[in-house]
Amino acid sequence: MAIDGQVYRDFAPWSGLEGWCVQLTGPVSGALTTDAAGTYRFSGLPAGTYTVCEVLQATWRETFPGDGAACPGGFGYTITFSAEPAYIGSSVSFIDFANVTP
């Protein structure tokens, strides 16, 4: 099972933000750094409930998501994968974070 998304600027040109940390907590915990397009992907996850948060960089403010799991500096996502065979190999996409500078 996998979780993927993008960290991006919430203003023109709405490009991805490279080098941002995205954290995963749950049955498996870890952190990834976004690539040149601002994307990330956690894969090989077992069933269970996960929280995904971004780590805000200095002078930035999160604008999306507007609600959800409480994370330092903003909100994140809670995702649950079932252990049922029909859900094995599934993924959740568009777990995105938008940010602006003051």
PDB file of N, CA and C in Angstrom:
ATOM      1  N   MET A   1       0.846  -1.160   0.000  1.00  0.00           N
ATOM      2  CA  MET A   1       0.000   0.000   0.000  1.00  0.00           C
ATOM      3  C   MET A   1       0.896   1.229   0.000  1.00  0.00           C
ATOM      4  N   ALA A   2       0.383   2.330  -0.545  1.00  0.00           N
ATOM      5  CA  ALA A   2       1.224   3.515  -0.715  1.00  0.00           C
ATOM      6  C   ALA A   2       0.428   4.795  -0.494  1.00  0.00           C
ATOM      7  N   ILE A   3       1.157   5.845  -0.125  1.00  0.00           N
ATOM      8  CA  ILE A   3       0.613   7.194   0.027  1.00  0.00           C
ATOM      9  C   ILE A   3       1.530   8.125  -0.749  1.00  0.00           C
ATOM     10  N   ASP A   4       0.942   8.969  -1.614  1.00  0.00           N
ATOM     11  CA  ASP A   4       1.775   9.933  -2.340  1.00  0.00           C
ATOM     12  C   ASP A   4       1.065  11.263  -2.475  1.00  0.00           C
ATOM     13  N   GLY A   5       1.856  12.281  -2.759  1.00  0.00           N
ATOM     14  CA  GLY A   5       1.303  13.619  -2.912  1.00  0.00           C
ATOM     15  C   GLY A   5       2.375  14.610  -3.313  1.00  0.00           C
ATOM     16  N   GLN A   6       2.032  15.889  -3.137  1.00  0.00           N
ATOM     17  CA  GLN A   6       2.937  16.962  -3.534  1.00  0.00           C
ATOM     18  C   GLN A   6       2.884  18.088  -2.510  1.00  0.00           C
ATOM     19  N   VAL A   7       4.011  18.738  -2.334  1.00  0.00           N
ATOM     20  CA  VAL A   7       4.112  19.975  -1.553  1.00  0.00           C
ATOM     21  C   VAL A   7       4.382  21.065  -2.574  1.00  0.00           C
ATOM     22  N   TYR A   8       3.532  22.123  -2.591  1.00  0.00           N
ATOM     23  CA  TYR A   8       3.648  23.129  -3.646  1.00  0.00           C
ATOM     24  C   TYR A   8       3.360  24.536  -3.142  1.00  0.00           C
ATOM     25  N   ARG A   9       3.765  25.524  -3.970  1.00  0.00           N
ATOM     26  CA  ARG A   9       3.482  26.940  -3.709  1.00  0.00           C
ATOM     27  C   ARG A   9       2.012  27.211  -4.012  1.00  0.00           C
ATOM     28  N   ASP A  10       1.341  27.899  -3.114  1.00  0.00           N
ATOM     29  CA  ASP A  10      -0.070  28.239  -3.321  1.00  0.00           C
ATOM     30  C   ASP A  10      -0.177  29.650  -3.903  1.00  0.00           C
ATOM     31  N   PHE A  11       0.643  29.923  -4.908  1.00  0.00           N
ATOM     32  CA  PHE A  11       0.627  31.182  -5.651  1.00  0.00           C
ATOM     33  C   PHE A  11       1.368  30.938  -6.955  1.00  0.00           C
ATOM     34  N   ALA A  12       1.119  31.789  -7.943  1.00  0.00           N
ATOM     35  CA  ALA A  12       1.745  31.606  -9.260  1.00  0.00           C
ATOM     36  C   ALA A  12       3.253  31.556  -9.105  1.00  0.00           C
ATOM     37  N   PRO A  13       3.914  30.613  -9.693  1.00  0.00           N
ATOM     38  CA  PRO A  13       3.489  29.667 -10.727  1.00  0.00           C
ATOM     39  C   PRO A  13       3.007  28.319 -10.186  1.00  0.00           C
ATOM     40  N   TRP A  14       2.621  28.188  -8.909  1.00  0.00           N
ATOM     41  CA  TRP A  14       2.085  26.962  -8.311  1.00  0.00           C
ATOM     42  C   TRP A  14       2.992  25.765  -8.556  1.00  0.00           C
ATOM     43  N   SER A  15       4.269  25.955  -8.411  1.00  0.00           N
ATOM     44  CA  SER A  15       5.232  24.878  -8.650  1.00  0.00           C
ATOM     45  C   SER A  15       5.496  24.090  -7.374  1.00  0.00           C
ATOM     46  N   GLY A  16       6.025  22.882  -7.549  1.00  0.00           N
ATOM     47  CA  GLY A  16       6.374  22.035  -6.427  1.00  0.00           C
ATOM     48  C   GLY A  16       7.534  22.610  -5.634  1.00  0.00           C
ATOM     49  N   LEU A  17       7.568  22.281  -4.362  1.00  0.00           N
ATOM     50  CA  LEU A  17       8.628  22.756  -3.466  1.00  0.00           C
ATOM     51  C   LEU A  17       9.587  21.605  -3.177  1.00  0.00           C
ATOM     52  N   GLU A  18      10.794  21.710  -3.690  1.00  0.00           N
ATOM     53  CA  GLU A  18      11.814  20.685  -3.516  1.00  0.00           C
ATOM     54  C   GLU A  18      12.463  20.782  -2.139  1.00  0.00           C
ATOM     55  N   GLY A  19      12.813  19.637  -1.565  1.00  0.00           N
ATOM     56  CA  GLY A  19      13.563  19.606  -0.324  1.00  0.00           C
ATOM     57  C   GLY A  19      12.738  19.779   0.938  1.00  0.00           C
ATOM     58  N   TRP A  20      11.420  19.635   0.838  1.00  0.00           N
ATOM     59  CA  TRP A  20      10.566  19.738   2.020  1.00  0.00           C
ATOM     60  C   TRP A  20      10.410  18.350   2.642  1.00  0.00           C
ATOM     61  N   CYS A  21      10.334  18.301   3.949  1.00  0.00           N
ATOM     62  CA  CYS A  21      10.185  17.046   4.684  1.00  0.00           C
ATOM     63  C   CYS A  21       8.704  16.733   4.881  1.00  0.00           C
ATOM     64  N   VAL A  22       8.325  15.490   4.574  1.00  0.00           N
ATOM     65  CA  VAL A  22       6.974  14.991   4.827  1.00  0.00           C
ATOM     66  C   VAL A  22       7.133  13.807   5.774  1.00  0.00           C
ATOM     67  N   GLN A  23       6.364  13.830   6.866  1.00  0.00           N
ATOM     68  CA  GLN A  23       6.491  12.805   7.898  1.00  0.00           C
ATOM     69  C   GLN A  23       5.281  11.873   7.909  1.00  0.00           C
ATOM     70  N   LEU A  24       5.545  10.610   8.169  1.00  0.00           N
ATOM     71  CA  LEU A  24       4.517   9.578   8.263  1.00  0.00           C
ATOM     72  C   LEU A  24       4.613   8.943   9.640  1.00  0.00           C
ATOM     73  N   THR A  25       3.478   8.829  10.347  1.00  0.00           N
ATOM     74  CA  THR A  25       3.436   8.107  11.614  1.00  0.00           C
ATOM     75  C   THR A  25       2.319   7.085  11.541  1.00  0.00           C
ATOM     76  N   GLY A  26       2.519   5.960  12.184  1.00  0.00           N
ATOM     77  CA  GLY A  26       1.547   4.869  12.163  1.00  0.00           C
ATOM     78  C   GLY A  26       2.259   3.564  12.420  1.00  0.00           C
ATOM     79  N   PRO A  27       1.726   2.442  11.903  1.00  0.00           N
ATOM     80  CA  PRO A  27       2.407   1.159  12.065  1.00  0.00           C
ATOM     81  C   PRO A  27       3.843   1.198  11.530  1.00  0.00           C
ATOM     82  N   VAL A  28       4.059   2.012  10.508  1.00  0.00           N
ATOM     83  CA  VAL A  28       5.394   2.300   9.994  1.00  0.00           C
ATOM     84  C   VAL A  28       5.544   3.819  10.052  1.00  0.00           C
ATOM     85  N   SER A  29       6.646   4.294  10.575  1.00  0.00           N
ATOM     86  CA  SER A  29       6.882   5.739  10.640  1.00  0.00           C
ATOM     87  C   SER A  29       8.149   6.072   9.881  1.00  0.00           C
ATOM     88  N   GLY A  30       8.196   7.287   9.340  1.00  0.00           N
ATOM     89  CA  GLY A  30       9.386   7.710   8.622  1.00  0.00           C
ATOM     90  C   GLY A  30       9.205   9.104   8.070  1.00  0.00           C
ATOM     91  N   ALA A  31      10.203   9.549   7.340  1.00  0.00           N
ATOM     92  CA  ALA A  31      10.167  10.883   6.731  1.00  0.00           C
ATOM     93  C   ALA A  31      10.844  10.802   5.371  1.00  0.00           C
ATOM     94  N   LEU A  32      10.324  11.586   4.441  1.00  0.00           N
ATOM     95  CA  LEU A  32      10.889  11.698   3.100  1.00  0.00           C
ATOM     96  C   LEU A  32      11.101  13.164   2.774  1.00  0.00           C
ATOM     97  N   THR A  33      11.992  13.425   1.845  1.00  0.00           N
ATOM     98  CA  THR A  33      12.207  14.772   1.328  1.00  0.00           C
ATOM     99  C   THR A  33      11.620  14.836  -0.071  1.00  0.00           C
ATOM    100  N   THR A  34      10.898  15.903  -0.379  1.00  0.00           N
ATOM    101  CA  THR A  34      10.277  16.033  -1.696  1.00  0.00           C
ATOM    102  C   THR A  34      11.336  16.163  -2.791  1.00  0.00           C
ATOM    103  N   ASP A  35      10.983  15.675  -3.985  1.00  0.00           N
ATOM    104  CA  ASP A  35      11.902  15.737  -5.122  1.00  0.00           C
ATOM    105  C   ASP A  35      11.789  17.094  -5.826  1.00  0.00           C
ATOM    106  N   ALA A  36      12.409  17.232  -6.981  1.00  0.00           N
ATOM    107  CA  ALA A  36      12.437  18.509  -7.710  1.00  0.00           C
ATOM    108  C   ALA A  36      11.043  19.002  -8.079  1.00  0.00           C
ATOM    109  N   ALA A  37      10.075  18.101  -8.208  1.00  0.00           N
ATOM    110  CA  ALA A  37       8.700  18.486  -8.539  1.00  0.00           C
ATOM    111  C   ALA A  37       7.844  18.670  -7.290  1.00  0.00           C
ATOM    112  N   GLY A  38       8.454  18.502  -6.110  1.00  0.00           N
ATOM    113  CA  GLY A  38       7.709  18.641  -4.863  1.00  0.00           C
ATOM    114  C   GLY A  38       6.936  17.394  -4.475  1.00  0.00           C
ATOM    115  N   THR A  39       7.176  16.260  -5.160  1.00  0.00           N
ATOM    116  CA  THR A  39       6.407  15.057  -4.886  1.00  0.00           C
ATOM    117  C   THR A  39       7.129  14.131  -3.910  1.00  0.00           C
ATOM    118  N   TYR A  40       6.334  13.262  -3.288  1.00  0.00           N
ATOM    119  CA  TYR A  40       6.847  12.264  -2.365  1.00  0.00           C
ATOM    120  C   TYR A  40       5.982  11.018  -2.479  1.00  0.00           C
ATOM    121  N   ARG A  41       6.501   9.868  -2.017  1.00  0.00           N
ATOM    122  CA  ARG A  41       5.740   8.614  -2.031  1.00  0.00           C
ATOM    123  C   ARG A  41       6.260   7.682  -0.941  1.00  0.00           C
ATOM    124  N   PHE A  42       5.354   7.292  -0.040  1.00  0.00           N
ATOM    125  CA  PHE A  42       5.633   6.251   0.941  1.00  0.00           C
ATOM    126  C   PHE A  42       5.027   4.969   0.384  1.00  0.00           C
ATOM    127  N   SER A  43       5.811   3.914   0.229  1.00  0.00           N
ATOM    128  CA  SER A  43       5.291   2.669  -0.346  1.00  0.00           C
ATOM    129  C   SER A  43       5.646   1.486   0.538  1.00  0.00           C
ATOM    130  N   GLY A  44       5.032   0.343   0.241  1.00  0.00           N
ATOM    131  CA  GLY A  44       5.279  -0.864   1.013  1.00  0.00           C
ATOM    132  C   GLY A  44       4.699  -0.806   2.409  1.00  0.00           C
ATOM    133  N   LEU A  45       3.603  -0.063   2.574  1.00  0.00           N
ATOM    134  CA  LEU A  45       3.008   0.125   3.899  1.00  0.00           C
ATOM    135  C   LEU A  45       2.074  -1.028   4.249  1.00  0.00           C
ATOM    136  N   PRO A  46       2.137  -1.521   5.484  1.00  0.00           N
ATOM    137  CA  PRO A  46       1.167  -2.520   5.923  1.00  0.00           C
ATOM    138  C   PRO A  46      -0.160  -1.852   6.309  1.00  0.00           C
ATOM    139  N   ALA A  47      -1.176  -2.673   6.512  1.00  0.00           N
ATOM    140  CA  ALA A  47      -2.481  -2.164   6.935  1.00  0.00           C
ATOM    141  C   ALA A  47      -2.342  -1.398   8.246  1.00  0.00           C
ATOM    142  N   GLY A  48      -3.234  -0.418   8.428  1.00  0.00           N
ATOM    143  CA  GLY A  48      -3.234   0.362   9.659  1.00  0.00           C
ATOM    144  C   GLY A  48      -3.615   1.794   9.380  1.00  0.00           C
ATOM    145  N   THR A  49      -3.587   2.609  10.417  1.00  0.00           N
ATOM    146  CA  THR A  49      -3.943   4.023  10.326  1.00  0.00           C
ATOM    147  C   THR A  49      -2.681   4.859  10.396  1.00  0.00           C
ATOM    148  N   TYR A  50      -2.560   5.796   9.466  1.00  0.00           N
ATOM    149  CA  TYR A  50      -1.380   6.643   9.326  1.00  0.00           C
ATOM    150  C   TYR A  50      -1.762   8.114   9.393  1.00  0.00           C
ATOM    151  N   THR A  51      -0.828   8.932   9.852  1.00  0.00           N
ATOM    152  CA  THR A  51      -0.947  10.385   9.795  1.00  0.00           C
ATOM    153  C   THR A  51       0.198  10.902   8.941  1.00  0.00           C
ATOM    154  N   VAL A  52      -0.120  11.807   8.008  1.00  0.00           N
ATOM    155  CA  VAL A  52       0.873  12.418   7.129  1.00  0.00           C
ATOM    156  C   VAL A  52       0.902  13.913   7.421  1.00  0.00           C
ATOM    157  N   CYS A  53       2.088  14.442   7.711  1.00  0.00           N
ATOM    158  CA  CYS A  53       2.280  15.869   8.009  1.00  0.00           C
ATOM    159  C   CYS A  53       3.482  16.398   7.231  1.00  0.00           C
ATOM    160  N   GLU A  54       3.440  17.670   6.896  1.00  0.00           N
ATOM    161  CA  GLU A  54       4.628  18.311   6.338  1.00  0.00           C
ATOM    162  C   GLU A  54       5.338  19.059   7.459  1.00  0.00           C
ATOM    163  N   VAL A  55       6.626  19.294   7.267  1.00  0.00           N
ATOM    164  CA  VAL A  55       7.397  20.106   8.195  1.00  0.00           C
ATOM    165  C   VAL A  55       7.560  21.471   7.526  1.00  0.00           C
ATOM    166  N   LEU A  56       6.933  22.483   8.116  1.00  0.00           N
ATOM    167  CA  LEU A  56       6.999  23.825   7.530  1.00  0.00           C
ATOM    168  C   LEU A  56       8.412  24.379   7.594  1.00  0.00           C
ATOM    169  N   GLN A  57       8.809  25.058   6.552  1.00  0.00           N
ATOM    170  CA  GLN A  57      10.103  25.727   6.539  1.00  0.00           C
ATOM    171  C   GLN A  57       9.914  27.172   6.995  1.00  0.00           C
ATOM    172  N   ALA A  58      10.993  27.766   7.476  1.00  0.00           N
ATOM    173  CA  ALA A  58      10.949  29.137   7.995  1.00  0.00           C
ATOM    174  C   ALA A  58      10.338  30.084   6.973  1.00  0.00           C
ATOM    175  N   THR A  59       9.516  30.980   7.424  1.00  0.00           N
ATOM    176  CA  THR A  59       8.821  32.038   6.676  1.00  0.00           C
ATOM    177  C   THR A  59       7.677  31.519   5.805  1.00  0.00           C
ATOM    178  N   TRP A  60       7.336  30.238   5.872  1.00  0.00           N
ATOM    179  CA  TRP A  60       6.218  29.687   5.097  1.00  0.00           C
ATOM    180  C   TRP A  60       5.033  29.438   6.014  1.00  0.00           C
ATOM    181  N   ARG A  61       3.829  29.473   5.410  1.00  0.00           N
ATOM    182  CA  ARG A  61       2.579  29.183   6.132  1.00  0.00           C
ATOM    183  C   ARG A  61       1.753  28.219   5.295  1.00  0.00           C
ATOM    184  N   GLU A  62       1.222  27.193   5.936  1.00  0.00           N
ATOM    185  CA  GLU A  62       0.395  26.204   5.235  1.00  0.00           C
ATOM    186  C   GLU A  62      -0.986  26.776   4.935  1.00  0.00           C
ATOM    187  N   THR A  63      -1.466  26.601   3.703  1.00  0.00           N
ATOM    188  CA  THR A  63      -2.805  27.042   3.320  1.00  0.00           C
ATOM    189  C   THR A  63      -3.733  25.880   2.973  1.00  0.00           C
ATOM    190  N   PHE A  64      -3.171  24.695   2.752  1.00  0.00           N
ATOM    191  CA  PHE A  64      -3.973  23.508   2.441  1.00  0.00           C
ATOM    192  C   PHE A  64      -3.229  22.294   2.944  1.00  0.00           C
ATOM    193  N   PRO A  65      -3.899  21.377   3.627  1.00  0.00           N
ATOM    194  CA  PRO A  65      -5.336  21.290   3.849  1.00  0.00           C
ATOM    195  C   PRO A  65      -5.814  22.288   4.909  1.00  0.00           C
ATOM    196  N   GLY A  66      -7.078  22.612   4.859  1.00  0.00           N
ATOM    197  CA  GLY A  66      -7.656  23.580   5.777  1.00  0.00           C
ATOM    198  C   GLY A  66      -8.120  22.982   7.085  1.00  0.00           C
ATOM    199  N   ASP A  67      -8.180  21.651   7.148  1.00  0.00           N
ATOM    200  CA  ASP A  67      -8.512  20.947   8.374  1.00  0.00           C
ATOM    201  C   ASP A  67      -8.002  19.521   8.252  1.00  0.00           C
ATOM    202  N   GLY A  68      -8.118  18.785   9.325  1.00  0.00           N
ATOM    203  CA  GLY A  68      -7.633  17.402   9.319  1.00  0.00           C
ATOM    204  C   GLY A  68      -6.847  17.110  10.565  1.00  0.00           C
ATOM    205  N   ALA A  69      -5.969  16.125  10.461  1.00  0.00           N
ATOM    206  CA  ALA A  69      -5.145  15.739  11.607  1.00  0.00           C
ATOM    207  C   ALA A  69      -4.276  16.908  12.053  1.00  0.00           C
ATOM    208  N   ALA A  70      -4.141  17.069  13.360  1.00  0.00           N
ATOM    209  CA  ALA A  70      -3.301  18.149  13.895  1.00  0.00           C
ATOM    210  C   ALA A  70      -1.833  17.819  13.662  1.00  0.00           C
ATOM    211  N   CYS A  71      -1.127  18.776  13.074  1.00  0.00           N
ATOM    212  CA  CYS A  71       0.304  18.650  12.811  1.00  0.00           C
ATOM    213  C   CYS A  71       0.987  19.923  13.286  1.00  0.00           C
ATOM    214  N   PRO A  72       2.264  19.849  13.641  1.00  0.00           N
ATOM    215  CA  PRO A  72       2.969  21.082  13.998  1.00  0.00           C
ATOM    216  C   PRO A  72       2.924  22.061  12.823  1.00  0.00           C
ATOM    217  N   GLY A  73       2.405  23.236  13.041  1.00  0.00           N
ATOM    218  CA  GLY A  73       2.380  24.245  11.987  1.00  0.00           C
ATOM    219  C   GLY A  73       1.187  24.173  11.050  1.00  0.00           C
ATOM    220  N   GLY A  74       0.254  23.249  11.267  1.00  0.00           N
ATOM    221  CA  GLY A  74      -0.889  23.176  10.364  1.00  0.00           C
ATOM    222  C   GLY A  74      -1.664  21.887  10.518  1.00  0.00           C
ATOM    223  N   PHE A  75      -2.217  21.432   9.396  1.00  0.00           N
ATOM    224  CA  PHE A  75      -3.025  20.222   9.386  1.00  0.00           C
ATOM    225  C   PHE A  75      -2.388  19.184   8.487  1.00  0.00           C
ATOM    226  N   GLY A  76      -2.804  17.946   8.679  1.00  0.00           N
ATOM    227  CA  GLY A  76      -2.338  16.847   7.849  1.00  0.00           C
ATOM    228  C   GLY A  76      -3.485  15.926   7.512  1.00  0.00           C
ATOM    229  N   TYR A  77      -3.160  14.701   7.259  1.00  0.00           N
ATOM    230  CA  TYR A  77      -4.146  13.721   6.809  1.00  0.00           C
ATOM    231  C   TYR A  77      -4.068  12.475   7.666  1.00  0.00           C
ATOM    232  N   THR A  78      -5.234  11.845   7.882  1.00  0.00           N
ATOM    233  CA  THR A  78      -5.304  10.538   8.511  1.00  0.00           C
ATOM    234  C   THR A  78      -5.820   9.569   7.458  1.00  0.00           C
ATOM    235  N   ILE A  79      -5.092   8.491   7.249  1.00  0.00           N
ATOM    236  CA  ILE A  79      -5.427   7.513   6.217  1.00  0.00           C
ATOM    237  C   ILE A  79      -5.410   6.134   6.853  1.00  0.00           C
ATOM    238  N   THR A  80      -6.450   5.342   6.580  1.00  0.00           N
ATOM    239  CA  THR A  80      -6.518   3.983   7.096  1.00  0.00           C
ATOM    240  C   THR A  80      -6.557   2.997   5.940  1.00  0.00           C
ATOM    241  N   PHE A  81      -5.652   2.041   5.988  1.00  0.00           N
ATOM    242  CA  PHE A  81      -5.634   0.945   5.017  1.00  0.00           C
ATOM    243  C   PHE A  81      -6.176  -0.304   5.698  1.00  0.00           C
ATOM    244  N   SER A  82      -7.105  -0.972   5.041  1.00  0.00           N
ATOM    245  CA  SER A  82      -7.677  -2.204   5.557  1.00  0.00           C
ATOM    246  C   SER A  82      -6.763  -3.386   5.258  1.00  0.00           C
ATOM    247  N   ALA A  83      -6.831  -4.399   6.112  1.00  0.00           N
ATOM    248  CA  ALA A  83      -6.048  -5.615   5.895  1.00  0.00           C
ATOM    249  C   ALA A  83      -6.784  -6.599   4.993  1.00  0.00           C
ATOM    250  N   GLU A  84      -8.008  -6.260   4.565  1.00  0.00           N
ATOM    251  CA  GLU A  84      -8.768  -7.169   3.705  1.00  0.00           C
ATOM    252  C   GLU A  84      -8.050  -7.351   2.373  1.00  0.00           C
ATOM    253  N   PRO A  85      -8.050  -8.576   1.834  1.00  0.00           N
ATOM    254  CA  PRO A  85      -7.333  -8.853   0.581  1.00  0.00           C
ATOM    255  C   PRO A  85      -7.683  -7.910  -0.570  1.00  0.00           C
ATOM    256  N   ALA A  86      -8.908  -7.446  -0.638  1.00  0.00           N
ATOM    257  CA  ALA A  86      -9.315  -6.562  -1.739  1.00  0.00           C
ATOM    258  C   ALA A  86      -8.580  -5.224  -1.700  1.00  0.00           C
ATOM    259  N   TYR A  87      -8.036  -4.854  -0.557  1.00  0.00           N
ATOM    260  CA  TYR A  87      -7.379  -3.557  -0.417  1.00  0.00           C
ATOM    261  C   TYR A  87      -5.848  -3.642  -0.465  1.00  0.00           C
ATOM    262  N   ILE A  88      -5.319  -4.857  -0.442  1.00  0.00           N
ATOM    263  CA  ILE A  88      -3.864  -5.029  -0.493  1.00  0.00           C
ATOM    264  C   ILE A  88      -3.360  -4.489  -1.831  1.00  0.00           C
ATOM    265  N   GLY A  89      -2.318  -3.693  -1.782  1.00  0.00           N
ATOM    266  CA  GLY A  89      -1.778  -3.095  -2.998  1.00  0.00           C
ATOM    267  C   GLY A  89      -2.425  -1.774  -3.375  1.00  0.00           C
ATOM    268  N   SER A  90      -3.386  -1.312  -2.571  1.00  0.00           N
ATOM    269  CA  SER A  90      -4.050  -0.050  -2.890  1.00  0.00           C
ATOM    270  C   SER A  90      -3.146   1.132  -2.538  1.00  0.00           C
ATOM    271  N   SER A  91      -3.517   2.287  -3.068  1.00  0.00           N
ATOM    272  CA  SER A  91      -2.756   3.493  -2.746  1.00  0.00           C
ATOM    273  C   SER A  91      -3.705   4.665  -2.616  1.00  0.00           C
ATOM    274  N   VAL A  92      -3.237   5.687  -1.925  1.00  0.00           N
ATOM    275  CA  VAL A  92      -3.972   6.932  -1.763  1.00  0.00           C
ATOM    276  C   VAL A  92      -3.089   8.031  -2.331  1.00  0.00           C
ATOM    277  N   SER A  93      -3.644   8.795  -3.282  1.00  0.00           N
ATOM    278  CA  SER A  93      -2.885   9.853  -3.948  1.00  0.00           C
ATOM    279  C   SER A  93      -3.475  11.219  -3.643  1.00  0.00           C
ATOM    280  N   PHE A  94      -2.773  12.240  -4.072  1.00  0.00           N
ATOM    281  CA  PHE A  94      -3.180  13.639  -3.913  1.00  0.00           C
ATOM    282  C   PHE A  94      -3.254  14.046  -2.441  1.00  0.00           C
ATOM    283  N   ILE A  95      -2.334  13.507  -1.648  1.00  0.00           N
ATOM    284  CA  ILE A  95      -2.200  13.921  -0.254  1.00  0.00           C
ATOM    285  C   ILE A  95      -1.235  15.109  -0.288  1.00  0.00           C
ATOM    286  N   ASP A  96      -1.813  16.258  -0.661  1.00  0.00           N
ATOM    287  CA  ASP A  96      -1.040  17.453  -1.009  1.00  0.00           C
ATOM    288  C   ASP A  96      -1.018  18.489   0.115  1.00  0.00           C
ATOM    289  N   PHE A  97       0.024  19.310   0.086  1.00  0.00           N
ATOM    290  CA  PHE A  97       0.186  20.432   1.003  1.00  0.00           C
ATOM    291  C   PHE A  97       0.506  21.674   0.207  1.00  0.00           C
ATOM    292  N   ALA A  98      -0.247  22.757   0.440  1.00  0.00           N
ATOM    293  CA  ALA A  98      -0.004  24.043  -0.246  1.00  0.00           C
ATOM    294  C   ALA A  98       0.510  25.049   0.777  1.00  0.00           C
ATOM    295  N   ASN A  99       1.428  25.909   0.339  1.00  0.00           N
ATOM    296  CA  ASN A  99       2.091  26.848   1.244  1.00  0.00           C
ATOM    297  C   ASN A  99       2.305  28.203   0.586  1.00  0.00           C
ATOM    298  N   VAL A 100       2.349  29.243   1.428  1.00  0.00           N
ATOM    299  CA  VAL A 100       2.649  30.598   0.968  1.00  0.00           C
ATOM    300  C   VAL A 100       3.703  31.209   1.881  1.00  0.00           C
ATOM    301  N   THR A 101       4.355  32.238   1.383  1.00  0.00           N
ATOM    302  CA  THR A 101       5.252  33.021   2.220  1.00  0.00           C
ATOM    303  C   THR A 101       4.562  34.345   2.532  1.00  0.00           C
ATOM    304  N   PRO A 102       4.879  34.937   3.686  1.00  0.00           N
ATOM    305  CA  PRO A 102       4.190  36.192   4.053  1.00  0.00           C
ATOM    306  C   PRO A 102       4.486  37.323   3.085  1.00  0.00           C
TER     307      PRO A 102
END
